[in-house]
Amino acid sequence: MTNDTMTETWVAVGPAGAVGSIHREPGGFRVELYGHRASRGGLYPSLETAKGAVHKALGPLASRPEFHAH
């Protein structure tokens, strides 16, 4: 397990490879989905809600991606 209090970026990896990332910012956590022109979210108050947003954006039948700290 990584030390989430020190990490600034997490990469979301699904069966087909990297699908997005989460970046720590002063006001929360920003989600970036790969292959999308513009960010659709804003800031999320916690890492867990940002992870949930990435999973939801993948669609109703998508499995939850793994999140790797970088």
PDB file of N, CA and C in Angstrom:
ATOM      1  N   MET A   1       0.846  -1.177   0.000  1.00  0.00           N
ATOM      2  CA  MET A   1       0.000   0.000   0.000  1.00  0.00           C
ATOM      3  C   MET A   1       0.889   1.236   0.000  1.00  0.00           C
ATOM      4  N   THR A   2       0.468   2.250  -0.749  1.00  0.00           N
ATOM      5  CA  THR A   2       1.266   3.463  -0.824  1.00  0.00           C
ATOM      6  C   THR A   2       0.831   4.449   0.253  1.00  0.00           C
ATOM      7  N   ASN A   3       1.666   5.412   0.513  1.00  0.00           N
ATOM      8  CA  ASN A   3       1.338   6.464   1.460  1.00  0.00           C
ATOM      9  C   ASN A   3       0.591   7.559   0.703  1.00  0.00           C
ATOM     10  N   ASP A   4      -0.749   7.537   0.740  1.00  0.00           N
ATOM     11  CA  ASP A   4      -1.565   8.466  -0.033  1.00  0.00           C
ATOM     12  C   ASP A   4      -1.420   9.908   0.423  1.00  0.00           C
ATOM     13  N   THR A   5      -0.892  10.149   1.620  1.00  0.00           N
ATOM     14  CA  THR A   5      -0.755  11.524   2.075  1.00  0.00           C
ATOM     15  C   THR A   5       0.410  12.226   1.399  1.00  0.00           C
ATOM     16  N   MET A   6       1.331  11.491   0.799  1.00  0.00           N
ATOM     17  CA  MET A   6       2.491  12.088   0.150  1.00  0.00           C
ATOM     18  C   MET A   6       2.366  12.092  -1.373  1.00  0.00           C
ATOM     19  N   THR A   7       1.471  11.308  -1.926  1.00  0.00           N
ATOM     20  CA  THR A   7       1.356  11.150  -3.365  1.00  0.00           C
ATOM     21  C   THR A   7       0.607  12.311  -3.988  1.00  0.00           C
ATOM     22  N   GLU A   8       1.012  12.720  -5.171  1.00  0.00           N
ATOM     23  CA  GLU A   8       0.367  13.820  -5.876  1.00  0.00           C
ATOM     24  C   GLU A   8      -0.429  13.362  -7.091  1.00  0.00           C
ATOM     25  N   THR A   9      -0.106  12.185  -7.637  1.00  0.00           N
ATOM     26  CA  THR A   9      -0.772  11.698  -8.847  1.00  0.00           C
ATOM     27  C   THR A   9      -1.038  10.204  -8.734  1.00  0.00           C
ATOM     28  N   TRP A  10      -2.216   9.792  -9.207  1.00  0.00           N
ATOM     29  CA  TRP A  10      -2.585   8.385  -9.291  1.00  0.00           C
ATOM     30  C   TRP A  10      -3.033   8.113 -10.708  1.00  0.00           C
ATOM     31  N   VAL A  11      -2.580   7.014 -11.305  1.00  0.00           N
ATOM     32  CA  VAL A  11      -2.982   6.638 -12.651  1.00  0.00           C
ATOM     33  C   VAL A  11      -3.988   5.499 -12.540  1.00  0.00           C
ATOM     34  N   ALA A  12      -5.116   5.655 -13.249  1.00  0.00           N
ATOM     35  CA  ALA A  12      -6.165   4.631 -13.280  1.00  0.00           C
ATOM     36  C   ALA A  12      -5.878   3.680 -14.433  1.00  0.00           C
ATOM     37  N   VAL A  13      -5.776   2.394 -14.110  1.00  0.00           N
ATOM     38  CA  VAL A  13      -5.438   1.387 -15.116  1.00  0.00           C
ATOM     39  C   VAL A  13      -6.539   0.336 -15.158  1.00  0.00           C
ATOM     40  N   GLY A  14      -7.114   0.171 -16.358  1.00  0.00           N
ATOM     41  CA  GLY A  14      -8.139  -0.843 -16.581  1.00  0.00           C
ATOM     42  C   GLY A  14      -7.589  -1.969 -17.425  1.00  0.00           C
ATOM     43  N   PRO A  15      -8.442  -2.893 -17.854  1.00  0.00           N
ATOM     44  CA  PRO A  15      -7.992  -4.024 -18.665  1.00  0.00           C
ATOM     45  C   PRO A  15      -7.309  -3.618 -19.970  1.00  0.00           C
ATOM     46  N   ALA A  16      -7.694  -2.467 -20.543  1.00  0.00           N
ATOM     47  CA  ALA A  16      -7.117  -2.019 -21.810  1.00  0.00           C
ATOM     48  C   ALA A  16      -5.937  -1.073 -21.621  1.00  0.00           C
ATOM     49  N   GLY A  17      -5.546  -0.814 -20.374  1.00  0.00           N
ATOM     50  CA  GLY A  17      -4.425   0.095 -20.119  1.00  0.00           C
ATOM     51  C   GLY A  17      -4.863   1.313 -19.323  1.00  0.00           C
ATOM     52  N   ALA A  18      -4.055   2.367 -19.350  1.00  0.00           N
ATOM     53  CA  ALA A  18      -4.336   3.581 -18.582  1.00  0.00           C
ATOM     54  C   ALA A  18      -5.577   4.276 -19.144  1.00  0.00           C
ATOM     55  N   VAL A  19      -6.507   4.639 -18.259  1.00  0.00           N
ATOM     56  CA  VAL A  19      -7.754   5.290 -18.680  1.00  0.00           C
ATOM     57  C   VAL A  19      -7.883   6.708 -18.153  1.00  0.00           C
ATOM     58  N   GLY A  20      -7.060   7.080 -17.188  1.00  0.00           N
ATOM     59  CA  GLY A  20      -7.132   8.421 -16.633  1.00  0.00           C
ATOM     60  C   GLY A  20      -6.172   8.596 -15.483  1.00  0.00           C
ATOM     61  N   SER A  21      -6.271   9.765 -14.858  1.00  0.00           N
ATOM     62  CA  SER A  21      -5.414  10.041 -13.710  1.00  0.00           C
ATOM     63  C   SER A  21      -6.122  10.984 -12.757  1.00  0.00           C
ATOM     64  N   ILE A  22      -5.615  11.014 -11.536  1.00  0.00           N
ATOM     65  CA  ILE A  22      -6.118  11.903 -10.489  1.00  0.00           C
ATOM     66  C   ILE A  22      -4.920  12.691  -9.982  1.00  0.00           C
ATOM     67  N   HIS A  23      -5.115  13.994  -9.843  1.00  0.00           N
ATOM     68  CA  HIS A  23      -4.027  14.873  -9.414  1.00  0.00           C
ATOM     69  C   HIS A  23      -4.449  15.635  -8.162  1.00  0.00           C
ATOM     70  N   ARG A  24      -3.600  15.609  -7.141  1.00  0.00           N
ATOM     71  CA  ARG A  24      -3.867  16.382  -5.914  1.00  0.00           C
ATOM     72  C   ARG A  24      -3.625  17.853  -6.217  1.00  0.00           C
ATOM     73  N   GLU A  25      -4.575  18.687  -5.820  1.00  0.00           N
ATOM     74  CA  GLU A  25      -4.452  20.137  -5.954  1.00  0.00           C
ATOM     75  C   GLU A  25      -4.795  20.769  -4.620  1.00  0.00           C
ATOM     76  N   PRO A  26      -4.495  22.036  -4.426  1.00  0.00           N
ATOM     77  CA  PRO A  26      -4.762  22.664  -3.122  1.00  0.00           C
ATOM     78  C   PRO A  26      -6.215  22.547  -2.655  1.00  0.00           C
ATOM     79  N   GLY A  27      -7.176  22.568  -3.597  1.00  0.00           N
ATOM     80  CA  GLY A  27      -8.581  22.527  -3.207  1.00  0.00           C
ATOM     81  C   GLY A  27      -9.215  21.165  -3.241  1.00  0.00           C
ATOM     82  N   GLY A  28      -8.476  20.118  -3.595  1.00  0.00           N
ATOM     83  CA  GLY A  28      -9.048  18.776  -3.682  1.00  0.00           C
ATOM     84  C   GLY A  28      -8.301  17.923  -4.687  1.00  0.00           C
ATOM     85  N   PHE A  29      -9.049  17.084  -5.406  1.00  0.00           N
ATOM     86  CA  PHE A  29      -8.468  16.130  -6.346  1.00  0.00           C
ATOM     87  C   PHE A  29      -9.112  16.318  -7.715  1.00  0.00           C
ATOM     88  N   ARG A  30      -8.287  16.556  -8.737  1.00  0.00           N
ATOM     89  CA  ARG A  30      -8.764  16.776 -10.102  1.00  0.00           C
ATOM     90  C   ARG A  30      -8.638  15.491 -10.904  1.00  0.00           C
ATOM     91  N   VAL A  31      -9.721  15.137 -11.621  1.00  0.00           N
ATOM     92  CA  VAL A  31      -9.759  13.935 -12.444  1.00  0.00           C
ATOM     93  C   VAL A  31      -9.488  14.306 -13.895  1.00  0.00           C
ATOM     94  N   GLU A  32      -8.641  13.536 -14.546  1.00  0.00           N
ATOM     95  CA  GLU A  32      -8.372  13.691 -15.975  1.00  0.00           C
ATOM     96  C   GLU A  32      -8.633  12.342 -16.633  1.00  0.00           C
ATOM     97  N   LEU A  33      -9.559  12.311 -17.582  1.00  0.00           N
ATOM     98  CA  LEU A  33      -9.856  11.090 -18.314  1.00  0.00           C
ATOM     99  C   LEU A  33      -9.143  11.147 -19.658  1.00  0.00           C
ATOM    100  N   TYR A  34      -8.382  10.127 -19.972  1.00  0.00           N
ATOM    101  CA  TYR A  34      -7.642  10.107 -21.228  1.00  0.00           C
ATOM    102  C   TYR A  34      -8.617   9.910 -22.383  1.00  0.00           C
ATOM    103  N   GLY A  35      -8.370  10.640 -23.481  1.00  0.00           N
ATOM    104  CA  GLY A  35      -9.230  10.550 -24.642  1.00  0.00           C
ATOM    105  C   GLY A  35     -10.388  11.530 -24.622  1.00  0.00           C
ATOM    106  N   HIS A  36     -10.525  12.327 -23.570  1.00  0.00           N
ATOM    107  CA  HIS A  36     -11.564  13.353 -23.492  1.00  0.00           C
ATOM    108  C   HIS A  36     -10.916  14.712 -23.699  1.00  0.00           C
ATOM    109  N   ARG A  37     -11.548  15.543 -24.480  1.00  0.00           N
ATOM    110  CA  ARG A  37     -10.984  16.861 -24.793  1.00  0.00           C
ATOM    111  C   ARG A  37     -10.930  17.770 -23.579  1.00  0.00           C
ATOM    112  N   ALA A  38     -11.975  17.818 -22.827  1.00  0.00           N
ATOM    113  CA  ALA A  38     -12.019  18.736 -21.681  1.00  0.00           C
ATOM    114  C   ALA A  38     -12.354  17.959 -20.419  1.00  0.00           C
ATOM    115  N   SER A  39     -11.878  18.464 -19.337  1.00  0.00           N
ATOM    116  CA  SER A  39     -12.189  17.873 -18.047  1.00  0.00           C
ATOM    117  C   SER A  39     -13.666  18.077 -17.761  1.00  0.00           C
ATOM    118  N   ARG A  40     -14.372  17.048 -17.307  1.00  0.00           N
ATOM    119  CA  ARG A  40     -15.798  17.155 -17.086  1.00  0.00           C
ATOM    120  C   ARG A  40     -16.157  17.264 -15.622  1.00  0.00           C
ATOM    121  N   GLY A  41     -15.215  17.418 -14.756  1.00  0.00           N
ATOM    122  CA  GLY A  41     -15.570  17.294 -13.368  1.00  0.00           C
ATOM    123  C   GLY A  41     -15.347  18.481 -12.480  1.00  0.00           C
ATOM    124  N   GLY A  42     -14.206  18.962 -12.348  1.00  0.00           N
ATOM    125  CA  GLY A  42     -13.898  19.911 -11.306  1.00  0.00           C
ATOM    126  C   GLY A  42     -13.103  19.211 -10.228  1.00  0.00           C
ATOM    127  N   LEU A  43     -13.171  19.746  -9.037  1.00  0.00           N
ATOM    128  CA  LEU A  43     -12.413  19.167  -7.928  1.00  0.00           C
ATOM    129  C   LEU A  43     -13.305  18.298  -7.056  1.00  0.00           C
ATOM    130  N   TYR A  44     -12.758  17.211  -6.591  1.00  0.00           N
ATOM    131  CA  TYR A  44     -13.454  16.306  -5.678  1.00  0.00           C
ATOM    132  C   TYR A  44     -12.820  16.453  -4.304  1.00  0.00           C
ATOM    133  N   PRO A  45     -13.625  16.371  -3.247  1.00  0.00           N
ATOM    134  CA  PRO A  45     -13.108  16.646  -1.904  1.00  0.00           C
ATOM    135  C   PRO A  45     -12.166  15.583  -1.345  1.00  0.00           C
ATOM    136  N   SER A  46     -12.254  14.353  -1.851  1.00  0.00           N
ATOM    137  CA  SER A  46     -11.388  13.295  -1.324  1.00  0.00           C
ATOM    138  C   SER A  46     -10.903  12.403  -2.456  1.00  0.00           C
ATOM    139  N   LEU A  47      -9.862  11.670  -2.180  1.00  0.00           N
ATOM    140  CA  LEU A  47      -9.315  10.740  -3.160  1.00  0.00           C
ATOM    141  C   LEU A  47     -10.349   9.671  -3.508  1.00  0.00           C
ATOM    142  N   GLU A  48     -11.072   9.177  -2.529  1.00  0.00           N
ATOM    143  CA  GLU A  48     -12.060   8.116  -2.775  1.00  0.00           C
ATOM    144  C   GLU A  48     -13.184   8.592  -3.684  1.00  0.00           C
ATOM    145  N   THR A  49     -13.654   9.829  -3.516  1.00  0.00           N
ATOM    146  CA  THR A  49     -14.708  10.329  -4.406  1.00  0.00           C
ATOM    147  C   THR A  49     -14.162  10.544  -5.816  1.00  0.00           C
ATOM    148  N   ALA A  50     -12.926  10.959  -5.949  1.00  0.00           N
ATOM    149  CA  ALA A  50     -12.308  11.106  -7.267  1.00  0.00           C
ATOM    150  C   ALA A  50     -12.171   9.746  -7.950  1.00  0.00           C
ATOM    151  N   LYS A  51     -11.775   8.724  -7.197  1.00  0.00           N
ATOM    152  CA  LYS A  51     -11.687   7.374  -7.758  1.00  0.00           C
ATOM    153  C   LYS A  51     -13.057   6.899  -8.225  1.00  0.00           C
ATOM    154  N   GLY A  52     -14.084   7.178  -7.434  1.00  0.00           N
ATOM    155  CA  GLY A  52     -15.448   6.816  -7.816  1.00  0.00           C
ATOM    156  C   GLY A  52     -15.895   7.528  -9.084  1.00  0.00           C
ATOM    157  N   ALA A  53     -15.492   8.779  -9.247  1.00  0.00           N
ATOM    158  CA  ALA A  53     -15.844   9.543 -10.444  1.00  0.00           C
ATOM    159  C   ALA A  53     -15.193   8.948 -11.686  1.00  0.00           C
ATOM    160  N   VAL A  54     -13.950   8.515 -11.567  1.00  0.00           N
ATOM    161  CA  VAL A  54     -13.273   7.873 -12.698  1.00  0.00           C
ATOM    162  C   VAL A  54     -14.019   6.595 -13.074  1.00  0.00           C
ATOM    163  N   HIS A  55     -14.347   5.786 -12.087  1.00  0.00           N
ATOM    164  CA  HIS A  55     -15.045   4.527 -12.345  1.00  0.00           C
ATOM    165  C   HIS A  55     -16.395   4.784 -13.011  1.00  0.00           C
ATOM    166  N   LYS A  56     -17.143   5.730 -12.505  1.00  0.00           N
ATOM    167  CA  LYS A  56     -18.453   6.044 -13.075  1.00  0.00           C
ATOM    168  C   LYS A  56     -18.340   6.542 -14.506  1.00  0.00           C
ATOM    169  N   ALA A  57     -17.326   7.334 -14.812  1.00  0.00           N
ATOM    170  CA  ALA A  57     -17.142   7.879 -16.155  1.00  0.00           C
ATOM    171  C   ALA A  57     -16.836   6.798 -17.187  1.00  0.00           C
ATOM    172  N   LEU A  58     -16.372   5.646 -16.737  1.00  0.00           N
ATOM    173  CA  LEU A  58     -16.040   4.569 -17.665  1.00  0.00           C
ATOM    174  C   LEU A  58     -17.271   3.850 -18.196  1.00  0.00           C
ATOM    175  N   GLY A  59     -18.415   4.054 -17.570  1.00  0.00           N
ATOM    176  CA  GLY A  59     -19.650   3.441 -18.044  1.00  0.00           C
ATOM    177  C   GLY A  59     -20.172   2.396 -17.083  1.00  0.00           C
ATOM    178  N   PRO A  60     -21.451   2.018 -17.255  1.00  0.00           N
ATOM    179  CA  PRO A  60     -22.122   1.148 -16.290  1.00  0.00           C
ATOM    180  C   PRO A  60     -21.583  -0.277 -16.207  1.00  0.00           C
ATOM    181  N   LEU A  61     -20.982  -0.798 -17.249  1.00  0.00           N
ATOM    182  CA  LEU A  61     -20.496  -2.181 -17.221  1.00  0.00           C
ATOM    183  C   LEU A  61     -18.997  -2.294 -17.004  1.00  0.00           C
ATOM    184  N   ALA A  62     -18.334  -1.169 -16.857  1.00  0.00           N
ATOM    185  CA  ALA A  62     -16.873  -1.186 -16.677  1.00  0.00           C
ATOM    186  C   ALA A  62     -16.494  -1.659 -15.282  1.00  0.00           C
ATOM    187  N   SER A  63     -15.454  -2.457 -15.215  1.00  0.00           N
ATOM    188  CA  SER A  63     -14.935  -2.846 -13.900  1.00  0.00           C
ATOM    189  C   SER A  63     -14.131  -1.692 -13.337  1.00  0.00           C
ATOM    190  N   ARG A  64     -14.019  -1.647 -12.011  1.00  0.00           N
ATOM    191  CA  ARG A  64     -13.290  -0.568 -11.358  1.00  0.00           C
ATOM    192  C   ARG A  64     -11.806  -0.659 -11.705  1.00  0.00           C
ATOM    193  N   PRO A  65     -11.207   0.430 -12.159  1.00  0.00           N
ATOM    194  CA  PRO A  65      -9.780   0.369 -12.487  1.00  0.00           C
ATOM    195  C   PRO A  65      -8.922   0.299 -11.230  1.00  0.00           C
ATOM    196  N   GLU A  66      -7.708  -0.138 -11.398  1.00  0.00           N
ATOM    197  CA  GLU A  66      -6.721  -0.085 -10.309  1.00  0.00           C
ATOM    198  C   GLU A  66      -6.099   1.289 -10.340  1.00  0.00           C
ATOM    199  N   PHE A  67      -5.745   1.816  -9.176  1.00  0.00           N
ATOM    200  CA  PHE A  67      -5.131   3.141  -9.077  1.00  0.00           C
ATOM    201  C   PHE A  67      -3.714   2.986  -8.562  1.00  0.00           C
ATOM    202  N   HIS A  68      -2.754   3.433  -9.359  1.00  0.00           N
ATOM    203  CA  HIS A  68      -1.343   3.330  -9.009  1.00  0.00           C
ATOM    204  C   HIS A  68      -0.781   4.717  -8.699  1.00  0.00           C
ATOM    205  N   ALA A  69      -0.185   4.857  -7.528  1.00  0.00           N
ATOM    206  CA  ALA A  69       0.429   6.123  -7.143  1.00  0.00           C
ATOM    207  C   ALA A  69       1.702   6.364  -7.935  1.00  0.00           C
ATOM    208  N   HIS A  70       1.905   7.605  -8.320  1.00  0.00           N
ATOM    209  CA  HIS A  70       3.113   8.001  -9.065  1.00  0.00           C
ATOM    210  C   HIS A  70       3.697   9.249  -8.478  1.00  0.00           C
TER     211      HIS A  70
END
